[in-house]
Amino acid sequence: MLSSLKPLEYAFEKLNFTHGVTKLTYTIDMHGTRNITATANPVREQCANCGAFFVDYHGLKGHFADYPAVRRAWHVLAIRRCTRARGRRQT
């Protein structure tokens, strides 16, 4: 039984990091056909400088921490923009 769940575990690990999976359905019919359906989070955070997408604000913040000090000033500005944009979306 557990071996049949390996594809589900693999799909969740791969999709959740980049897409923020909100719902994952795994079905096996009586003929043994497997089906994985994933629903991704449509709201993602984007870096204003490089255009990379992240699942949530924490992923974006971690992305900014990966840049060297020379480029950090650009990304700090991007954090402020993204934070302001998040505040506008929520109101």
N, C-alpha and C. Protein backbone atom coordinates (compact mmCIF):
# COMPACT_ATOMS: atom_id res chain seq x y z
N MET A 1 0.83 -1.20 0.00
CA MET A 1 0.00 0.00 0.00
C MET A 1 0.86 1.26 0.00
N LEU A 2 1.89 1.29 0.84
CA LEU A 2 2.72 2.48 0.92
C LEU A 2 3.48 2.75 -0.37
N SER A 3 3.85 1.70 -1.10
CA SER A 3 4.57 1.90 -2.36
C SER A 3 3.70 2.61 -3.39
N SER A 4 2.38 2.44 -3.30
CA SER A 4 1.49 3.12 -4.24
C SER A 4 1.37 4.61 -3.93
N LEU A 5 1.81 5.03 -2.76
CA LEU A 5 1.75 6.45 -2.39
C LEU A 5 3.02 7.21 -2.77
N LYS A 6 4.05 6.53 -3.24
CA LYS A 6 5.30 7.19 -3.63
C LYS A 6 5.08 8.24 -4.72
N PRO A 7 4.30 7.97 -5.77
CA PRO A 7 4.07 9.02 -6.78
C PRO A 7 3.41 10.26 -6.20
N LEU A 8 2.51 10.06 -5.24
CA LEU A 8 1.85 11.19 -4.60
C LEU A 8 2.85 12.02 -3.81
N GLU A 9 3.70 11.36 -3.05
CA GLU A 9 4.72 12.07 -2.27
C GLU A 9 5.66 12.85 -3.19
N TYR A 10 6.09 12.23 -4.27
CA TYR A 10 6.99 12.87 -5.22
C TYR A 10 6.32 14.10 -5.86
N ALA A 11 5.08 13.95 -6.29
CA ALA A 11 4.37 15.06 -6.93
C ALA A 11 4.20 16.22 -5.96
N PHE A 12 3.84 15.92 -4.72
CA PHE A 12 3.64 16.98 -3.74
C PHE A 12 4.93 17.73 -3.47
N GLU A 13 6.04 17.00 -3.30
CA GLU A 13 7.32 17.65 -3.02
C GLU A 13 7.75 18.55 -4.17
N LYS A 14 7.59 18.09 -5.40
CA LYS A 14 8.03 18.86 -6.56
C LYS A 14 7.13 20.07 -6.81
N LEU A 15 5.83 19.90 -6.68
CA LEU A 15 4.90 20.98 -7.00
C LEU A 15 4.77 21.99 -5.88
N ASN A 16 4.82 21.57 -4.65
CA ASN A 16 4.57 22.48 -3.54
C ASN A 16 5.63 23.56 -3.42
N PHE A 17 6.88 23.25 -3.73
CA PHE A 17 7.94 24.24 -3.59
C PHE A 17 7.76 25.41 -4.56
N THR A 18 7.36 25.12 -5.79
CA THR A 18 7.27 26.18 -6.80
C THR A 18 5.88 26.73 -6.99
N HIS A 19 4.86 25.96 -6.70
CA HIS A 19 3.50 26.40 -7.02
C HIS A 19 2.58 26.59 -5.83
N GLY A 20 2.96 26.18 -4.67
CA GLY A 20 2.08 26.33 -3.51
C GLY A 20 0.81 25.53 -3.66
N VAL A 21 0.91 24.23 -3.66
CA VAL A 21 -0.23 23.35 -3.87
C VAL A 21 -1.25 23.55 -2.76
N THR A 22 -2.50 23.83 -3.15
CA THR A 22 -3.57 23.99 -2.17
C THR A 22 -4.41 22.73 -2.05
N LYS A 23 -4.43 21.91 -3.11
CA LYS A 23 -5.20 20.67 -3.07
C LYS A 23 -4.53 19.65 -3.98
N LEU A 24 -4.37 18.45 -3.48
CA LEU A 24 -3.75 17.38 -4.26
C LEU A 24 -4.62 16.13 -4.10
N THR A 25 -5.09 15.60 -5.23
CA THR A 25 -5.95 14.42 -5.21
C THR A 25 -5.25 13.28 -5.93
N TYR A 26 -5.25 12.13 -5.31
CA TYR A 26 -4.62 10.94 -5.87
C TYR A 26 -5.65 9.82 -5.87
N THR A 27 -5.97 9.30 -7.05
CA THR A 27 -6.96 8.23 -7.15
C THR A 27 -6.39 7.03 -7.89
N ILE A 28 -6.83 5.87 -7.47
CA ILE A 28 -6.49 4.62 -8.15
C ILE A 28 -7.82 3.92 -8.44
N ASP A 29 -8.10 3.66 -9.72
CA ASP A 29 -9.35 2.97 -10.02
C ASP A 29 -9.16 1.46 -9.94
N MET A 30 -10.24 0.71 -10.16
CA MET A 30 -10.19 -0.74 -9.97
C MET A 30 -9.31 -1.45 -11.00
N HIS A 31 -8.95 -0.76 -12.09
CA HIS A 31 -8.07 -1.34 -13.10
C HIS A 31 -6.59 -1.02 -12.82
N GLY A 32 -6.34 -0.25 -11.77
CA GLY A 32 -4.97 0.09 -11.40
C GLY A 32 -4.46 1.39 -12.00
N THR A 33 -5.32 2.10 -12.72
CA THR A 33 -4.92 3.38 -13.30
C THR A 33 -4.82 4.43 -12.20
N ARG A 34 -3.69 5.12 -12.17
CA ARG A 34 -3.47 6.15 -11.16
C ARG A 34 -3.64 7.53 -11.78
N ASN A 35 -4.18 8.44 -10.98
CA ASN A 35 -4.40 9.81 -11.44
C ASN A 35 -4.05 10.77 -10.31
N ILE A 36 -3.20 11.73 -10.62
CA ILE A 36 -2.84 12.78 -9.65
C ILE A 36 -3.34 14.11 -10.20
N THR A 37 -4.13 14.81 -9.40
CA THR A 37 -4.64 16.12 -9.78
C THR A 37 -4.20 17.13 -8.72
N ALA A 38 -3.58 18.21 -9.15
CA ALA A 38 -3.10 19.23 -8.21
C ALA A 38 -3.73 20.58 -8.55
N THR A 39 -4.12 21.30 -7.51
CA THR A 39 -4.61 22.66 -7.66
C THR A 39 -3.59 23.57 -7.00
N ALA A 40 -3.06 24.51 -7.78
CA ALA A 40 -2.01 25.39 -7.27
C ALA A 40 -2.59 26.70 -6.76
N ASN A 41 -1.85 27.31 -5.87
CA ASN A 41 -2.22 28.62 -5.34
C ASN A 41 -2.01 29.66 -6.44
N PRO A 42 -3.08 30.35 -6.87
CA PRO A 42 -2.92 31.32 -7.95
C PRO A 42 -2.22 32.60 -7.52
N VAL A 43 -2.17 32.88 -6.23
CA VAL A 43 -1.54 34.10 -5.73
C VAL A 43 -0.11 33.76 -5.34
N ARG A 44 0.85 34.31 -6.09
CA ARG A 44 2.26 34.07 -5.79
C ARG A 44 2.97 35.41 -5.70
N GLU A 45 4.11 35.40 -5.06
CA GLU A 45 4.93 36.61 -4.93
C GLU A 45 5.98 36.60 -6.02
N GLN A 46 6.25 37.79 -6.60
CA GLN A 46 7.24 37.89 -7.66
C GLN A 46 8.29 38.92 -7.29
N CYS A 47 9.55 38.58 -7.56
CA CYS A 47 10.65 39.51 -7.35
C CYS A 47 10.56 40.59 -8.43
N ALA A 48 10.57 41.84 -8.02
CA ALA A 48 10.45 42.94 -8.97
C ALA A 48 11.69 43.11 -9.83
N ASN A 49 12.82 42.56 -9.40
CA ASN A 49 14.06 42.74 -10.15
C ASN A 49 14.32 41.64 -11.16
N CYS A 50 14.22 40.40 -10.74
CA CYS A 50 14.56 39.30 -11.65
C CYS A 50 13.34 38.60 -12.22
N GLY A 51 12.16 38.84 -11.66
CA GLY A 51 10.94 38.24 -12.18
C GLY A 51 10.65 36.84 -11.68
N ALA A 52 11.46 36.32 -10.77
CA ALA A 52 11.25 34.96 -10.25
C ALA A 52 9.99 34.93 -9.38
N PHE A 53 9.22 33.84 -9.48
CA PHE A 53 8.01 33.67 -8.68
C PHE A 53 8.29 32.79 -7.47
N PHE A 54 7.59 33.09 -6.36
CA PHE A 54 7.73 32.32 -5.13
C PHE A 54 6.35 32.05 -4.57
N VAL A 55 6.24 30.95 -3.85
CA VAL A 55 4.96 30.50 -3.32
C VAL A 55 4.36 31.52 -2.36
N ASP A 56 5.17 32.07 -1.49
CA ASP A 56 4.68 33.01 -0.50
C ASP A 56 5.73 34.08 -0.21
N TYR A 57 5.38 34.99 0.67
CA TYR A 57 6.28 36.09 0.99
C TYR A 57 7.57 35.60 1.63
N HIS A 58 7.50 34.53 2.40
CA HIS A 58 8.70 34.01 3.07
C HIS A 58 9.70 33.47 2.05
N GLY A 59 9.21 32.85 0.99
CA GLY A 59 10.09 32.38 -0.08
C GLY A 59 10.76 33.54 -0.79
N LEU A 60 10.00 34.60 -1.01
CA LEU A 60 10.54 35.80 -1.64
C LEU A 60 11.60 36.44 -0.75
N LYS A 61 11.31 36.50 0.54
CA LYS A 61 12.26 37.08 1.49
C LYS A 61 13.56 36.26 1.53
N GLY A 62 13.45 34.95 1.46
CA GLY A 62 14.63 34.09 1.41
C GLY A 62 15.43 34.31 0.14
N HIS A 63 14.72 34.58 -0.96
CA HIS A 63 15.37 34.87 -2.23
C HIS A 63 16.23 36.13 -2.11
N PHE A 64 15.71 37.13 -1.44
CA PHE A 64 16.47 38.37 -1.27
C PHE A 64 17.72 38.14 -0.44
N ALA A 65 17.64 37.24 0.52
CA ALA A 65 18.79 36.96 1.39
C ALA A 65 19.91 36.25 0.64
N ASP A 66 19.60 35.61 -0.48
CA ASP A 66 20.61 34.87 -1.25
C ASP A 66 21.51 35.77 -2.09
N TYR A 67 21.13 37.04 -2.25
CA TYR A 67 21.91 37.91 -3.12
C TYR A 67 23.07 38.56 -2.38
N PRO A 68 24.18 38.81 -3.07
CA PRO A 68 25.32 39.48 -2.42
C PRO A 68 24.98 40.91 -2.01
N ALA A 69 25.82 41.46 -1.15
CA ALA A 69 25.57 42.80 -0.60
C ALA A 69 25.48 43.87 -1.67
N VAL A 70 26.19 43.72 -2.78
CA VAL A 70 26.16 44.74 -3.83
C VAL A 70 24.76 44.88 -4.41
N ARG A 71 24.06 43.76 -4.58
CA ARG A 71 22.73 43.80 -5.18
C ARG A 71 21.63 43.88 -4.14
N ARG A 72 22.01 43.79 -2.87
CA ARG A 72 21.00 43.76 -1.81
C ARG A 72 20.14 45.02 -1.78
N ALA A 73 20.73 46.18 -2.06
CA ALA A 73 19.96 47.42 -2.03
C ALA A 73 18.81 47.37 -3.03
N TRP A 74 19.04 46.79 -4.20
CA TRP A 74 17.97 46.66 -5.19
C TRP A 74 16.85 45.77 -4.66
N HIS A 75 17.23 44.68 -4.01
CA HIS A 75 16.23 43.75 -3.52
C HIS A 75 15.51 44.28 -2.29
N VAL A 76 16.17 45.09 -1.48
CA VAL A 76 15.48 45.71 -0.35
C VAL A 76 14.38 46.61 -0.87
N LEU A 77 14.66 47.34 -1.92
CA LEU A 77 13.64 48.17 -2.55
C LEU A 77 12.50 47.29 -3.06
N ALA A 78 12.83 46.16 -3.64
CA ALA A 78 11.80 45.24 -4.15
C ALA A 78 10.96 44.69 -3.01
N ILE A 79 11.57 44.41 -1.85
CA ILE A 79 10.81 43.93 -0.69
C ILE A 79 9.79 44.98 -0.29
N ARG A 80 10.22 46.22 -0.26
CA ARG A 80 9.29 47.29 0.11
C ARG A 80 8.14 47.37 -0.88
N ARG A 81 8.44 47.28 -2.17
CA ARG A 81 7.39 47.32 -3.19
C ARG A 81 6.42 46.16 -3.03
N CYS A 82 6.98 44.96 -2.86
CA CYS A 82 6.13 43.77 -2.73
C CYS A 82 5.29 43.83 -1.46
N THR A 83 5.88 44.34 -0.37
CA THR A 83 5.14 44.44 0.88
C THR A 83 4.00 45.44 0.74
N ARG A 84 4.27 46.55 0.08
CA ARG A 84 3.21 47.53 -0.15
C ARG A 84 2.12 46.94 -1.04
N ALA A 85 2.52 46.22 -2.07
CA ALA A 85 1.55 45.61 -2.97
C ALA A 85 0.69 44.58 -2.23
N ARG A 86 1.31 43.81 -1.32
CA ARG A 86 0.55 42.83 -0.53
C ARG A 86 -0.48 43.55 0.33
N GLY A 87 -0.09 44.68 0.92
CA GLY A 87 -1.01 45.44 1.75
C GLY A 87 -2.20 45.96 0.96
N ARG A 88 -1.94 46.39 -0.27
CA ARG A 88 -3.03 46.88 -1.12
C ARG A 88 -3.97 45.75 -1.53
N ARG A 89 -3.41 44.56 -1.79
CA ARG A 89 -4.25 43.44 -2.21
C ARG A 89 -5.17 42.98 -1.10
N GLN A 90 -4.69 43.06 0.13
CA GLN A 90 -5.48 42.55 1.24
C GLN A 90 -6.61 43.49 1.64
N THR A 91 -6.49 44.75 1.34
CA THR A 91 -7.54 45.70 1.75
C THR A 91 -8.62 45.78 0.72
